[in-house]
Protein backbone atom coordinates (compact mmCIF):
# COMPACT_ATOMS: atom_id res chain seq x y z
CA UNK A 1 0.14 -0.12 -0.09
CA UNK A 2 1.08 3.01 -0.62
CA UNK A 3 2.65 5.46 1.48
CA UNK A 4 2.13 9.44 1.53
CA UNK A 5 3.37 12.06 4.58
CA UNK A 6 1.49 15.44 5.15
CA UNK A 7 4.22 18.38 4.99
CA UNK A 8 3.16 21.54 7.02
CA UNK A 9 -0.71 20.45 6.80
CA UNK A 10 -0.80 20.65 2.99
CA UNK A 11 -3.81 17.86 2.83
CA UNK A 12 -4.61 18.71 -1.14
CA UNK A 13 -0.94 17.87 -2.28
CA UNK A 14 -0.71 14.31 -0.47
CA UNK A 15 -4.12 13.03 -1.77
CA UNK A 16 -2.80 14.03 -5.32
CA UNK A 17 0.48 12.74 -4.05
CA UNK A 18 -1.88 9.41 -3.07
CA UNK A 19 -3.74 9.58 -5.92
CA UNK A 20 -0.67 9.11 -8.51
CA UNK A 21 1.00 6.62 -6.46
CA UNK A 22 -2.01 4.16 -6.38
CA UNK A 23 -2.45 4.52 -10.00
CA UNK A 24 0.98 4.34 -11.24
CA UNK A 25 1.09 1.05 -8.46
CA UNK A 26 -2.07 -0.84 -10.23
CA UNK A 27 -3.84 -1.22 -7.11
CA UNK A 28 -6.64 0.34 -8.25
CA UNK A 29 -7.28 -1.61 -11.24
CA UNK A 30 -6.43 -5.04 -9.95
CA UNK A 31 -9.25 -4.74 -7.69
CA UNK A 32 -12.17 -3.61 -10.15
CA UNK A 33 -10.61 -6.87 -12.20
CA UNK A 34 -11.05 -9.37 -9.10
CA UNK A 35 -14.05 -8.30 -7.66
CA UNK A 36 -16.20 -10.50 -9.51
CA UNK A 37 -15.42 -13.57 -10.81
CA UNK A 38 -14.74 -13.99 -14.55
CA UNK A 39 -14.00 -17.44 -16.19
CA UNK A 40 -10.89 -17.74 -18.01
CA UNK A 41 -12.75 -18.03 -21.75
CA UNK A 42 -14.21 -14.60 -20.86
CA UNK A 43 -10.76 -12.91 -19.54
CA UNK A 44 -9.05 -14.55 -22.58
CA UNK A 45 -11.68 -13.14 -25.55
CA UNK A 46 -11.43 -9.83 -23.93
CA UNK A 47 -7.62 -9.31 -24.02
CA UNK A 48 -7.77 -10.85 -27.58
CA UNK A 49 -10.13 -7.99 -28.28
CA UNK A 50 -8.47 -5.67 -26.99
CA UNK A 51 -4.91 -7.12 -28.69
CA UNK A 52 -6.73 -6.34 -31.72
CA UNK A 53 -7.65 -3.27 -30.73
CA UNK A 54 -4.14 -2.04 -30.13
CA UNK A 55 -2.66 -3.94 -32.95
CA UNK A 56 -5.35 -1.85 -35.25
CA UNK A 57 -4.59 1.46 -33.62
CA UNK A 58 -0.79 0.49 -33.95
CA UNK A 59 -1.45 0.19 -37.73
CA UNK A 60 -3.11 3.13 -38.12
CA UNK A 61 -0.43 5.22 -36.66
CA UNK A 62 1.83 3.75 -38.72
CA UNK A 63 0.15 4.36 -41.67
CA UNK A 64 -0.40 7.97 -40.97
CA UNK A 65 3.16 8.29 -40.39
CA UNK A 66 4.43 6.86 -43.43
CA UNK A 67 2.44 8.82 -45.42
CA UNK A 68 3.39 11.94 -43.99
CA UNK A 69 6.70 11.20 -44.76
CA UNK A 70 6.21 10.51 -47.88
C-alpha cells in the first residue's frame, strides 16, 4: 500500500501524490479486476479483443506517419 506523508498540513498535495502512487502501482485496477469472478475463457476473449484494438491503433498510426514521411 502506498504511503504519503503530509507536510505543513497540506492535505490537498498529499491526496494528489497518493492518487498518483495508487494509479501508478495498479492497485485500483487490480481490485476492479478481482471484484467479480470472471471465467478464464471470458478473460482470454477480452484480452484478445484488446490486443486486436491495440494492433489496429498501432497500424493506423504507422500508416499515418508513413504517409506524412512520403
